[in-house]
Amino acid sequence: MTTFRNEWDLSMALQVMHSENVDAKIWAEAVKWLFLFGPPAIREMISQASSAATGEFFPELSPIGYTDQGEPLYNIKKLAESLGMSEEEALTKMAELEREHDIRSLYDEPEAHTIQ
C-alpha cells in the first residue's frame, strides 16, 4: 500500500498549487502534503495562513498553549463545537490523521507551553 507521503513530491504539489484549473479536492491534498511533508519554509507559510484563517473564521477559538515547535494547541471540546461535531468525533478524526500520516496532533495539557 502506497502511503500518502509517497503519492506526492514537492514538484507535483507545487505544480498543483500554481494551477488555475485544478479540482479543489486535489488542491487540498497538495496543501495537506506540503503542510505535512514539505520544506520547513513552506510548512511555516501554510501554518501562518492556517492560524490567520482560524482567527478570522473561528474567532471563538484561541490556543490554550503551544507545542515545543510552536504549533498552537486548542481545547478539543471547543474545537469540536466550532466544527459542529462531538468531542468524540473530533478525537476520532485526529487519531485517524495521526495513524495515517504518522504525525502527532493530540497532546495532554501538561505538554502545552504558554507564551507570556
PDB file of N, CA and C in Angstrom:
ATOM      1  N   MET A   1       0.834  -1.183   0.000  1.00  0.00           N
ATOM      2  CA  MET A   1       0.000   0.000   0.000  1.00  0.00           C
ATOM      3  C   MET A   1       0.880   1.248   0.000  1.00  0.00           C
ATOM      4  N   THR A   2       0.625   2.148  -0.918  1.00  0.00           N
ATOM      5  CA  THR A   2       1.386   3.379  -1.010  1.00  0.00           C
ATOM      6  C   THR A   2       0.891   4.365   0.036  1.00  0.00           C
ATOM      7  N   THR A   3       1.818   4.948   0.765  1.00  0.00           N
ATOM      8  CA  THR A   3       1.434   5.923   1.764  1.00  0.00           C
ATOM      9  C   THR A   3       1.219   7.277   1.106  1.00  0.00           C
ATOM     10  N   PHE A   4       0.437   8.111   1.780  1.00  0.00           N
ATOM     11  CA  PHE A   4       0.157   9.458   1.284  1.00  0.00           C
ATOM     12  C   PHE A   4       1.456  10.212   1.019  1.00  0.00           C
ATOM     13  N   ARG A   5       2.421  10.044   1.885  1.00  0.00           N
ATOM     14  CA  ARG A   5       3.699  10.738   1.727  1.00  0.00           C
ATOM     15  C   ARG A   5       4.352  10.425   0.386  1.00  0.00           C
ATOM     16  N   ASN A   6       4.224   9.184  -0.068  1.00  0.00           N
ATOM     17  CA  ASN A   6       4.874   8.758  -1.307  1.00  0.00           C
ATOM     18  C   ASN A   6       4.043   9.013  -2.556  1.00  0.00           C
ATOM     19  N   GLU A   7       2.789   9.433  -2.389  1.00  0.00           N
ATOM     20  CA  GLU A   7       1.933   9.717  -3.537  1.00  0.00           C
ATOM     21  C   GLU A   7       2.263  11.059  -4.188  1.00  0.00           C
ATOM     22  N   TRP A   8       2.954  11.919  -3.464  1.00  0.00           N
ATOM     23  CA  TRP A   8       3.287  13.258  -3.948  1.00  0.00           C
ATOM     24  C   TRP A   8       4.778  13.490  -3.815  1.00  0.00           C
ATOM     25  N   ASP A   9       5.268  14.497  -4.527  1.00  0.00           N
ATOM     26  CA  ASP A   9       6.592  15.028  -4.264  1.00  0.00           C
ATOM     27  C   ASP A   9       6.473  16.548  -4.334  1.00  0.00           C
ATOM     28  N   LEU A  10       7.516  17.247  -3.994  1.00  0.00           N
ATOM     29  CA  LEU A  10       7.469  18.704  -3.923  1.00  0.00           C
ATOM     30  C   LEU A  10       7.081  19.329  -5.256  1.00  0.00           C
ATOM     31  N   SER A  11       7.665  18.857  -6.326  1.00  0.00           N
ATOM     32  CA  SER A  11       7.382  19.415  -7.651  1.00  0.00           C
ATOM     33  C   SER A  11       5.906  19.252  -8.018  1.00  0.00           C
ATOM     34  N   MET A  12       5.355  18.058  -7.771  1.00  0.00           N
ATOM     35  CA  MET A  12       3.950  17.805  -8.089  1.00  0.00           C
ATOM     36  C   MET A  12       3.036  18.709  -7.267  1.00  0.00           C
ATOM     37  N   ALA A  13       3.299  18.803  -5.971  1.00  0.00           N
ATOM     38  CA  ALA A  13       2.449  19.605  -5.091  1.00  0.00           C
ATOM     39  C   ALA A  13       2.483  21.077  -5.487  1.00  0.00           C
ATOM     40  N   LEU A  14       3.662  21.584  -5.803  1.00  0.00           N
ATOM     41  CA  LEU A  14       3.757  22.988  -6.205  1.00  0.00           C
ATOM     42  C   LEU A  14       3.086  23.242  -7.545  1.00  0.00           C
ATOM     43  N   GLN A  15       3.196  22.292  -8.450  1.00  0.00           N
ATOM     44  CA  GLN A  15       2.536  22.427  -9.747  1.00  0.00           C
ATOM     45  C   GLN A  15       1.024  22.517  -9.564  1.00  0.00           C
ATOM     46  N   VAL A  16       0.457  21.691  -8.705  1.00  0.00           N
ATOM     47  CA  VAL A  16      -0.980  21.727  -8.425  1.00  0.00           C
ATOM     48  C   VAL A  16      -1.347  23.070  -7.794  1.00  0.00           C
ATOM     49  N   MET A  17      -0.535  23.538  -6.876  1.00  0.00           N
ATOM     50  CA  MET A  17      -0.818  24.812  -6.200  1.00  0.00           C
ATOM     51  C   MET A  17      -0.870  25.978  -7.192  1.00  0.00           C
ATOM     52  N   HIS A  18      -0.060  25.914  -8.222  1.00  0.00           N
ATOM     53  CA  HIS A  18       0.002  27.003  -9.195  1.00  0.00           C
ATOM     54  C   HIS A  18      -1.018  26.867 -10.317  1.00  0.00           C
ATOM     55  N   SER A  19      -1.667  25.742 -10.418  1.00  0.00           N
ATOM     56  CA  SER A  19      -2.630  25.508 -11.488  1.00  0.00           C
ATOM     57  C   SER A  19      -3.923  26.272 -11.238  1.00  0.00           C
ATOM     58  N   GLU A  20      -4.472  26.854 -12.279  1.00  0.00           N
ATOM     59  CA  GLU A  20      -5.741  27.587 -12.176  1.00  0.00           C
ATOM     60  C   GLU A  20      -6.931  26.679 -12.440  1.00  0.00           C
ATOM     61  N   ASN A  21      -6.710  25.492 -12.963  1.00  0.00           N
ATOM     62  CA  ASN A  21      -7.810  24.612 -13.365  1.00  0.00           C
ATOM     63  C   ASN A  21      -7.908  23.330 -12.545  1.00  0.00           C
ATOM     64  N   VAL A  22      -7.243  23.269 -11.433  1.00  0.00           N
ATOM     65  CA  VAL A  22      -7.214  22.028 -10.661  1.00  0.00           C
ATOM     66  C   VAL A  22      -8.465  21.895  -9.792  1.00  0.00           C
ATOM     67  N   ASP A  23      -8.896  20.654  -9.618  1.00  0.00           N
ATOM     68  CA  ASP A  23     -10.020  20.320  -8.760  1.00  0.00           C
ATOM     69  C   ASP A  23      -9.702  20.704  -7.310  1.00  0.00           C
ATOM     70  N   ALA A  24     -10.692  21.209  -6.585  1.00  0.00           N
ATOM     71  CA  ALA A  24     -10.492  21.671  -5.207  1.00  0.00           C
ATOM     72  C   ALA A  24      -9.986  20.556  -4.295  1.00  0.00           C
ATOM     73  N   LYS A  25     -10.471  19.335  -4.497  1.00  0.00           N
ATOM     74  CA  LYS A  25     -10.037  18.218  -3.655  1.00  0.00           C
ATOM     75  C   LYS A  25      -8.553  17.919  -3.875  1.00  0.00           C
ATOM     76  N   ILE A  26      -8.117  17.943  -5.115  1.00  0.00           N
ATOM     77  CA  ILE A  26      -6.706  17.694  -5.420  1.00  0.00           C
ATOM     78  C   ILE A  26      -5.844  18.827  -4.866  1.00  0.00           C
ATOM     79  N   TRP A  27      -6.338  20.061  -5.002  1.00  0.00           N
ATOM     80  CA  TRP A  27      -5.607  21.213  -4.461  1.00  0.00           C
ATOM     81  C   TRP A  27      -5.439  21.054  -2.950  1.00  0.00           C
ATOM     82  N   ALA A  28      -6.503  20.655  -2.263  1.00  0.00           N
ATOM     83  CA  ALA A  28      -6.442  20.466  -0.814  1.00  0.00           C
ATOM     84  C   ALA A  28      -5.453  19.355  -0.445  1.00  0.00           C
ATOM     85  N   GLU A  29      -5.402  18.298  -1.249  1.00  0.00           N
ATOM     86  CA  GLU A  29      -4.453  17.217  -0.991  1.00  0.00           C
ATOM     87  C   GLU A  29      -3.010  17.723  -1.136  1.00  0.00           C
ATOM     88  N   ALA A  30      -2.772  18.569  -2.134  1.00  0.00           N
ATOM     89  CA  ALA A  30      -1.429  19.133  -2.326  1.00  0.00           C
ATOM     90  C   ALA A  30      -1.041  20.001  -1.135  1.00  0.00           C
ATOM     91  N   VAL A  31      -1.970  20.813  -0.660  1.00  0.00           N
ATOM     92  CA  VAL A  31      -1.698  21.660   0.509  1.00  0.00           C
ATOM     93  C   VAL A  31      -1.406  20.784   1.730  1.00  0.00           C
ATOM     94  N   LYS A  32      -2.213  19.748   1.899  1.00  0.00           N
ATOM     95  CA  LYS A  32      -2.023  18.830   3.025  1.00  0.00           C
ATOM     96  C   LYS A  32      -0.636  18.195   2.954  1.00  0.00           C
ATOM     97  N   TRP A  33      -0.229  17.738   1.760  1.00  0.00           N
ATOM     98  CA  TRP A  33       1.084  17.128   1.616  1.00  0.00           C
ATOM     99  C   TRP A  33       2.182  18.131   1.963  1.00  0.00           C
ATOM    100  N   LEU A  34       2.038  19.345   1.428  1.00  0.00           N
ATOM    101  CA  LEU A  34       3.048  20.374   1.706  1.00  0.00           C
ATOM    102  C   LEU A  34       3.118  20.693   3.195  1.00  0.00           C
ATOM    103  N   PHE A  35       1.967  20.750   3.855  1.00  0.00           N
ATOM    104  CA  PHE A  35       1.939  21.050   5.285  1.00  0.00           C
ATOM    105  C   PHE A  35       2.589  19.939   6.106  1.00  0.00           C
ATOM    106  N   LEU A  36       2.353  18.701   5.708  1.00  0.00           N
ATOM    107  CA  LEU A  36       2.891  17.581   6.466  1.00  0.00           C
ATOM    108  C   LEU A  36       4.336  17.240   6.113  1.00  0.00           C
ATOM    109  N   PHE A  37       4.699  17.357   4.830  1.00  0.00           N
ATOM    110  CA  PHE A  37       5.979  16.818   4.380  1.00  0.00           C
ATOM    111  C   PHE A  37       6.836  17.794   3.570  1.00  0.00           C
ATOM    112  N   GLY A  38       6.331  18.981   3.316  1.00  0.00           N
ATOM    113  CA  GLY A  38       7.076  19.942   2.508  1.00  0.00           C
ATOM    114  C   GLY A  38       8.263  20.524   3.253  1.00  0.00           C
ATOM    115  N   PRO A  39       9.026  21.352   2.573  1.00  0.00           N
ATOM    116  CA  PRO A  39      10.175  22.006   3.206  1.00  0.00           C
ATOM    117  C   PRO A  39       9.721  22.895   4.360  1.00  0.00           C
ATOM    118  N   PRO A  40      10.567  23.088   5.358  1.00  0.00           N
ATOM    119  CA  PRO A  40      10.188  23.882   6.528  1.00  0.00           C
ATOM    120  C   PRO A  40       9.635  25.276   6.201  1.00  0.00           C
ATOM    121  N   ALA A  41      10.204  25.951   5.225  1.00  0.00           N
ATOM    122  CA  ALA A  41       9.725  27.298   4.895  1.00  0.00           C
ATOM    123  C   ALA A  41       8.281  27.268   4.386  1.00  0.00           C
ATOM    124  N   ILE A  42       7.955  26.284   3.579  1.00  0.00           N
ATOM    125  CA  ILE A  42       6.585  26.169   3.056  1.00  0.00           C
ATOM    126  C   ILE A  42       5.640  25.738   4.164  1.00  0.00           C
ATOM    127  N   ARG A  43       6.070  24.808   5.007  1.00  0.00           N
ATOM    128  CA  ARG A  43       5.228  24.387   6.133  1.00  0.00           C
ATOM    129  C   ARG A  43       4.927  25.571   7.042  1.00  0.00           C
ATOM    130  N   GLU A  44       5.903  26.416   7.263  1.00  0.00           N
ATOM    131  CA  GLU A  44       5.708  27.601   8.107  1.00  0.00           C
ATOM    132  C   GLU A  44       4.709  28.567   7.473  1.00  0.00           C
ATOM    133  N   MET A  45       4.805  28.791   6.166  1.00  0.00           N
ATOM    134  CA  MET A  45       3.840  29.684   5.489  1.00  0.00           C
ATOM    135  C   MET A  45       2.419  29.139   5.598  1.00  0.00           C
ATOM    136  N   ILE A  46       2.257  27.833   5.401  1.00  0.00           N
ATOM    137  CA  ILE A  46       0.932  27.231   5.489  1.00  0.00           C
ATOM    138  C   ILE A  46       0.413  27.311   6.926  1.00  0.00           C
ATOM    139  N   SER A  47       1.285  27.109   7.887  1.00  0.00           N
ATOM    140  CA  SER A  47       0.898  27.208   9.290  1.00  0.00           C
ATOM    141  C   SER A  47       0.430  28.618   9.631  1.00  0.00           C
ATOM    142  N   GLN A  48       1.137  29.618   9.144  1.00  0.00           N
ATOM    143  CA  GLN A  48       0.736  31.013   9.378  1.00  0.00           C
ATOM    144  C   GLN A  48      -0.604  31.313   8.718  1.00  0.00           C
ATOM    145  N   ALA A  49      -0.793  30.837   7.504  1.00  0.00           N
ATOM    146  CA  ALA A  49      -2.064  31.043   6.810  1.00  0.00           C
ATOM    147  C   ALA A  49      -3.194  30.338   7.557  1.00  0.00           C
ATOM    148  N   SER A  50      -2.928  29.150   8.068  1.00  0.00           N
ATOM    149  CA  SER A  50      -3.924  28.404   8.828  1.00  0.00           C
ATOM    150  C   SER A  50      -4.303  29.144  10.107  1.00  0.00           C
ATOM    151  N   SER A  51      -3.318  29.683  10.786  1.00  0.00           N
ATOM    152  CA  SER A  51      -3.588  30.454  12.009  1.00  0.00           C
ATOM    153  C   SER A  51      -4.419  31.694  11.707  1.00  0.00           C
ATOM    154  N   ALA A  52      -4.096  32.367  10.615  1.00  0.00           N
ATOM    155  CA  ALA A  52      -4.865  33.560  10.226  1.00  0.00           C
ATOM    156  C   ALA A  52      -6.305  33.186   9.893  1.00  0.00           C
ATOM    157  N   ALA A  53      -6.483  32.091   9.161  1.00  0.00           N
ATOM    158  CA  ALA A  53      -7.829  31.645   8.805  1.00  0.00           C
ATOM    159  C   ALA A  53      -8.612  31.221  10.044  1.00  0.00           C
ATOM    160  N   THR A  54      -7.960  30.536  10.962  1.00  0.00           N
ATOM    161  CA  THR A  54      -8.630  30.129  12.202  1.00  0.00           C
ATOM    162  C   THR A  54      -9.093  31.362  12.961  1.00  0.00           C
ATOM    163  N   GLY A  55      -8.242  32.358  13.063  1.00  0.00           N
ATOM    164  CA  GLY A  55      -8.606  33.587  13.765  1.00  0.00           C
ATOM    165  C   GLY A  55      -9.767  34.315  13.116  1.00  0.00           C
ATOM    166  N   GLU A  56      -9.815  34.294  11.795  1.00  0.00           N
ATOM    167  CA  GLU A  56     -10.877  35.006  11.082  1.00  0.00           C
ATOM    168  C   GLU A  56     -12.194  34.238  11.088  1.00  0.00           C
ATOM    169  N   PHE A  57     -12.145  32.946  10.826  1.00  0.00           N
ATOM    170  CA  PHE A  57     -13.374  32.175  10.668  1.00  0.00           C
ATOM    171  C   PHE A  57     -13.837  31.471  11.946  1.00  0.00           C
ATOM    172  N   PHE A  58     -12.955  31.353  12.918  1.00  0.00           N
ATOM    173  CA  PHE A  58     -13.307  30.739  14.197  1.00  0.00           C
ATOM    174  C   PHE A  58     -12.782  31.628  15.331  1.00  0.00           C
ATOM    175  N   PRO A  59     -13.294  32.860  15.430  1.00  0.00           N
ATOM    176  CA  PRO A  59     -12.759  33.802  16.428  1.00  0.00           C
ATOM    177  C   PRO A  59     -12.934  33.325  17.868  1.00  0.00           C
ATOM    178  N   GLU A  60     -13.857  32.387  18.094  1.00  0.00           N
ATOM    179  CA  GLU A  60     -14.074  31.870  19.438  1.00  0.00           C
ATOM    180  C   GLU A  60     -12.949  30.937  19.888  1.00  0.00           C
ATOM    181  N   LEU A  61     -12.120  30.506  18.944  1.00  0.00           N
ATOM    182  CA  LEU A  61     -11.005  29.613  19.278  1.00  0.00           C
ATOM    183  C   LEU A  61      -9.736  30.409  19.534  1.00  0.00           C
ATOM    184  N   SER A  62      -9.100  30.100  20.623  1.00  0.00           N
ATOM    185  CA  SER A  62      -7.774  30.661  20.859  1.00  0.00           C
ATOM    186  C   SER A  62      -6.919  29.547  21.450  1.00  0.00           C
ATOM    187  N   PRO A  63      -5.651  29.536  21.123  1.00  0.00           N
ATOM    188  CA  PRO A  63      -4.791  28.462  21.604  1.00  0.00           C
ATOM    189  C   PRO A  63      -4.746  28.420  23.133  1.00  0.00           C
ATOM    190  N   ILE A  64      -4.717  27.209  23.662  1.00  0.00           N
ATOM    191  CA  ILE A  64      -4.545  27.038  25.102  1.00  0.00           C
ATOM    192  C   ILE A  64      -3.069  26.885  25.446  1.00  0.00           C
ATOM    193  N   GLY A  65      -2.255  26.728  24.427  1.00  0.00           N
ATOM    194  CA  GLY A  65      -0.821  26.579  24.595  1.00  0.00           C
ATOM    195  C   GLY A  65      -0.177  26.252  23.264  1.00  0.00           C
ATOM    196  N   TYR A  66       1.098  25.911  23.320  1.00  0.00           N
ATOM    197  CA  TYR A  66       1.871  25.647  22.103  1.00  0.00           C
ATOM    198  C   TYR A  66       2.772  24.441  22.323  1.00  0.00           C
ATOM    199  N   THR A  67       3.066  23.729  21.230  1.00  0.00           N
ATOM    200  CA  THR A  67       3.997  22.601  21.306  1.00  0.00           C
ATOM    201  C   THR A  67       5.416  23.133  21.429  1.00  0.00           C
ATOM    202  N   ASP A  68       6.357  22.229  21.609  1.00  0.00           N
ATOM    203  CA  ASP A  68       7.768  22.625  21.643  1.00  0.00           C
ATOM    204  C   ASP A  68       8.191  23.308  20.350  1.00  0.00           C
ATOM    205  N   GLN A  69       7.514  22.966  19.231  1.00  0.00           N
ATOM    206  CA  GLN A  69       7.832  23.542  17.926  1.00  0.00           C
ATOM    207  C   GLN A  69       7.041  24.816  17.647  1.00  0.00           C
ATOM    208  N   GLY A  70       6.215  25.257  18.592  1.00  0.00           N
ATOM    209  CA  GLY A  70       5.458  26.492  18.422  1.00  0.00           C
ATOM    210  C   GLY A  70       4.109  26.333  17.756  1.00  0.00           C
ATOM    211  N   GLU A  71       3.669  25.088  17.543  1.00  0.00           N
ATOM    212  CA  GLU A  71       2.360  24.844  16.937  1.00  0.00           C
ATOM    213  C   GLU A  71       1.274  25.125  17.974  1.00  0.00           C
ATOM    214  N   PRO A  72       0.200  25.829  17.595  1.00  0.00           N
ATOM    215  CA  PRO A  72      -0.857  26.120  18.562  1.00  0.00           C
ATOM    216  C   PRO A  72      -1.632  24.862  18.946  1.00  0.00           C
ATOM    217  N   LEU A  73      -2.052  24.811  20.191  1.00  0.00           N
ATOM    218  CA  LEU A  73      -2.865  23.709  20.706  1.00  0.00           C
ATOM    219  C   LEU A  73      -4.206  24.280  21.153  1.00  0.00           C
ATOM    220  N   TYR A  74      -5.282  23.563  20.833  1.00  0.00           N
ATOM    221  CA  TYR A  74      -6.629  24.030  21.132  1.00  0.00           C
ATOM    222  C   TYR A  74      -7.341  23.046  22.038  1.00  0.00           C
ATOM    223  N   ASN A  75      -8.280  23.552  22.814  1.00  0.00           N
ATOM    224  CA  ASN A  75      -9.133  22.719  23.631  1.00  0.00           C
ATOM    225  C   ASN A  75     -10.009  21.895  22.700  1.00  0.00           C
ATOM    226  N   ILE A  76      -9.961  20.579  22.835  1.00  0.00           N
ATOM    227  CA  ILE A  76     -10.660  19.700  21.896  1.00  0.00           C
ATOM    228  C   ILE A  76     -12.170  19.907  21.946  1.00  0.00           C
ATOM    229  N   LYS A  77     -12.715  20.183  23.115  1.00  0.00           N
ATOM    230  CA  LYS A  77     -14.158  20.392  23.227  1.00  0.00           C
ATOM    231  C   LYS A  77     -14.583  21.644  22.455  1.00  0.00           C
ATOM    232  N   LYS A  78     -13.844  22.739  22.621  1.00  0.00           N
ATOM    233  CA  LYS A  78     -14.167  23.977  21.904  1.00  0.00           C
ATOM    234  C   LYS A  78     -13.936  23.816  20.404  1.00  0.00           C
ATOM    235  N   LEU A  79     -12.902  23.099  20.032  1.00  0.00           N
ATOM    236  CA  LEU A  79     -12.627  22.845  18.624  1.00  0.00           C
ATOM    237  C   LEU A  79     -13.770  22.063  17.993  1.00  0.00           C
ATOM    238  N   ALA A  80     -14.209  21.025  18.660  1.00  0.00           N
ATOM    239  CA  ALA A  80     -15.311  20.201  18.149  1.00  0.00           C
ATOM    240  C   ALA A  80     -16.588  21.031  18.007  1.00  0.00           C
ATOM    241  N   GLU A  81     -16.904  21.831  19.013  1.00  0.00           N
ATOM    242  CA  GLU A  81     -18.098  22.687  18.951  1.00  0.00           C
ATOM    243  C   GLU A  81     -18.027  23.632  17.757  1.00  0.00           C
ATOM    244  N   SER A  82     -16.871  24.218  17.525  1.00  0.00           N
ATOM    245  CA  SER A  82     -16.700  25.155  16.407  1.00  0.00           C
ATOM    246  C   SER A  82     -16.891  24.478  15.067  1.00  0.00           C
ATOM    247  N   LEU A  83     -16.553  23.208  14.998  1.00  0.00           N
ATOM    248  CA  LEU A  83     -16.674  22.442  13.755  1.00  0.00           C
ATOM    249  C   LEU A  83     -18.018  21.727  13.640  1.00  0.00           C
ATOM    250  N   GLY A  84     -18.864  21.878  14.649  1.00  0.00           N
ATOM    251  CA  GLY A  84     -20.191  21.269  14.606  1.00  0.00           C
ATOM    252  C   GLY A  84     -20.176  19.765  14.749  1.00  0.00           C
ATOM    253  N   MET A  85     -19.268  19.262  15.564  1.00  0.00           N
ATOM    254  CA  MET A  85     -19.203  17.814  15.787  1.00  0.00           C
ATOM    255  C   MET A  85     -19.021  17.550  17.268  1.00  0.00           C
ATOM    256  N   SER A  86     -19.181  16.293  17.646  1.00  0.00           N
ATOM    257  CA  SER A  86     -18.981  15.930  19.045  1.00  0.00           C
ATOM    258  C   SER A  86     -17.484  15.847  19.342  1.00  0.00           C
ATOM    259  N   GLU A  87     -17.175  15.909  20.603  1.00  0.00           N
ATOM    260  CA  GLU A  87     -15.785  15.778  21.019  1.00  0.00           C
ATOM    261  C   GLU A  87     -15.228  14.413  20.610  1.00  0.00           C
ATOM    262  N   GLU A  88     -16.059  13.389  20.704  1.00  0.00           N
ATOM    263  CA  GLU A  88     -15.637  12.041  20.332  1.00  0.00           C
ATOM    264  C   GLU A  88     -15.311  11.967  18.837  1.00  0.00           C
ATOM    265  N   GLU A  89     -16.155  12.615  18.008  1.00  0.00           N
ATOM    266  CA  GLU A  89     -15.893  12.629  16.562  1.00  0.00           C
ATOM    267  C   GLU A  89     -14.573  13.330  16.260  1.00  0.00           C
ATOM    268  N   ALA A  90     -14.338  14.452  16.919  1.00  0.00           N
ATOM    269  CA  ALA A  90     -13.102  15.205  16.695  1.00  0.00           C
ATOM    270  C   ALA A  90     -11.887  14.376  17.117  1.00  0.00           C
ATOM    271  N   LEU A  91     -11.987  13.724  18.267  1.00  0.00           N
ATOM    272  CA  LEU A  91     -10.876  12.883  18.721  1.00  0.00           C
ATOM    273  C   LEU A  91     -10.621  11.725  17.765  1.00  0.00           C
ATOM    274  N   THR A  92     -11.681  11.143  17.240  1.00  0.00           N
ATOM    275  CA  THR A  92     -11.545  10.043  16.288  1.00  0.00           C
ATOM    276  C   THR A  92     -10.857  10.515  15.012  1.00  0.00           C
ATOM    277  N   LYS A  93     -11.292  11.673  14.474  1.00  0.00           N
ATOM    278  CA  LYS A  93     -10.680  12.209  13.244  1.00  0.00           C
ATOM    279  C   LYS A  93      -9.201  12.507  13.462  1.00  0.00           C
ATOM    280  N   MET A  94      -8.869  13.114  14.598  1.00  0.00           N
ATOM    281  CA  MET A  94      -7.473  13.452  14.869  1.00  0.00           C
ATOM    282  C   MET A  94      -6.630  12.187  15.036  1.00  0.00           C
ATOM    283  N   ALA A  95      -7.181  11.170  15.688  1.00  0.00           N
ATOM    284  CA  ALA A  95      -6.463   9.905  15.846  1.00  0.00           C
ATOM    285  C   ALA A  95      -6.233   9.248  14.485  1.00  0.00           C
ATOM    286  N   GLU A  96      -7.223   9.331  13.593  1.00  0.00           N
ATOM    287  CA  GLU A  96      -7.063   8.792  12.234  1.00  0.00           C
ATOM    288  C   GLU A  96      -5.930   9.501  11.503  1.00  0.00           C
ATOM    289  N   LEU A  97      -5.893  10.833  11.595  1.00  0.00           N
ATOM    290  CA  LEU A  97      -4.818  11.590  10.947  1.00  0.00           C
ATOM    291  C   LEU A  97      -3.458  11.182  11.499  1.00  0.00           C
ATOM    292  N   GLU A  98      -3.390  10.996  12.805  1.00  0.00           N
ATOM    293  CA  GLU A  98      -2.125  10.574  13.405  1.00  0.00           C
ATOM    294  C   GLU A  98      -1.669   9.231  12.844  1.00  0.00           C
ATOM    295  N   ARG A  99      -2.592   8.277  12.767  1.00  0.00           N
ATOM    296  CA  ARG A  99      -2.253   6.946  12.255  1.00  0.00           C
ATOM    297  C   ARG A  99      -1.893   6.986  10.772  1.00  0.00           C
ATOM    298  N   GLU A 100      -2.704   7.690   9.980  1.00  0.00           N
ATOM    299  CA  GLU A 100      -2.498   7.718   8.534  1.00  0.00           C
ATOM    300  C   GLU A 100      -1.182   8.371   8.140  1.00  0.00           C
ATOM    301  N   HIS A 101      -0.796   9.405   8.863  1.00  0.00           N
ATOM    302  CA  HIS A 101       0.353  10.206   8.430  1.00  0.00           C
ATOM    303  C   HIS A 101       1.516  10.188   9.406  1.00  0.00           C
ATOM    304  N   ASP A 102       1.420   9.353  10.429  1.00  0.00           N
ATOM    305  CA  ASP A 102       2.483   9.238  11.419  1.00  0.00           C
ATOM    306  C   ASP A 102       2.900  10.608  11.956  1.00  0.00           C
ATOM    307  N   ILE A 103       1.882  11.387  12.346  1.00  0.00           N
ATOM    308  CA  ILE A 103       2.122  12.696  12.937  1.00  0.00           C
ATOM    309  C   ILE A 103       1.448  12.735  14.293  1.00  0.00           C
ATOM    310  N   ARG A 104       1.828  13.674  15.095  1.00  0.00           N
ATOM    311  CA  ARG A 104       1.200  13.826  16.401  1.00  0.00           C
ATOM    312  C   ARG A 104       0.365  15.094  16.395  1.00  0.00           C
ATOM    313  N   SER A 105      -0.908  14.967  16.798  1.00  0.00           N
ATOM    314  CA  SER A 105      -1.777  16.145  16.878  1.00  0.00           C
ATOM    315  C   SER A 105      -2.529  16.219  18.197  1.00  0.00           C
ATOM    316  N   LEU A 106      -2.472  15.175  18.992  1.00  0.00           N
ATOM    317  CA  LEU A 106      -3.142  15.151  20.291  1.00  0.00           C
ATOM    318  C   LEU A 106      -2.091  15.249  21.395  1.00  0.00           C
ATOM    319  N   TYR A 107      -2.281  16.206  22.287  1.00  0.00           N
ATOM    320  CA  TYR A 107      -1.343  16.449  23.371  1.00  0.00           C
ATOM    321  C   TYR A 107      -2.095  16.524  24.692  1.00  0.00           C
ATOM    322  N   ASP A 108      -1.455  16.104  25.756  1.00  0.00           N
ATOM    323  CA  ASP A 108      -2.012  16.267  27.086  1.00  0.00           C
ATOM    324  C   ASP A 108      -1.728  17.690  27.558  1.00  0.00           C
ATOM    325  N   GLU A 109      -2.600  18.220  28.382  1.00  0.00           N
ATOM    326  CA  GLU A 109      -2.475  19.613  28.818  1.00  0.00           C
ATOM    327  C   GLU A 109      -1.104  19.958  29.426  1.00  0.00           C
ATOM    328  N   PRO A 110      -0.504  19.075  30.234  1.00  0.00           N
ATOM    329  CA  PRO A 110       0.819  19.421  30.788  1.00  0.00           C
ATOM    330  C   PRO A 110       1.911  19.606  29.728  1.00  0.00           C
ATOM    331  N   GLU A 111       1.682  19.108  28.516  1.00  0.00           N
ATOM    332  CA  GLU A 111       2.673  19.238  27.449  1.00  0.00           C
ATOM    333  C   GLU A 111       2.588  20.589  26.752  1.00  0.00           C
ATOM    334  N   ALA A 112       1.537  21.357  27.005  1.00  0.00           N
ATOM    335  CA  ALA A 112       1.354  22.649  26.346  1.00  0.00           C
ATOM    336  C   ALA A 112       2.203  23.712  27.057  1.00  0.00           C
ATOM    337  N   HIS A 113       2.849  24.524  26.248  1.00  0.00           N
ATOM    338  CA  HIS A 113       3.637  25.646  26.770  1.00  0.00           C
ATOM    339  C   HIS A 113       2.848  26.926  26.530  1.00  0.00           C
ATOM    340  N   THR A 114       2.924  27.828  27.470  1.00  0.00           N
ATOM    341  CA  THR A 114       2.261  29.114  27.287  1.00  0.00           C
ATOM    342  C   THR A 114       3.285  30.170  26.930  1.00  0.00           C
ATOM    343  N   ILE A 115       2.820  31.181  26.211  1.00  0.00           N
ATOM    344  CA  ILE A 115       3.683  32.309  25.862  1.00  0.00           C
ATOM    345  C   ILE A 115       3.207  33.500  26.678  1.00  0.00           C
ATOM    346  N   GLN A 116       4.119  34.093  27.403  1.00  0.00           N
ATOM    347  CA  GLN A 116       3.739  35.216  28.259  1.00  0.00           C
ATOM    348  C   GLN A 116       4.274  36.514  27.733  1.00  0.00           C
TER     349      GLN A 116
END
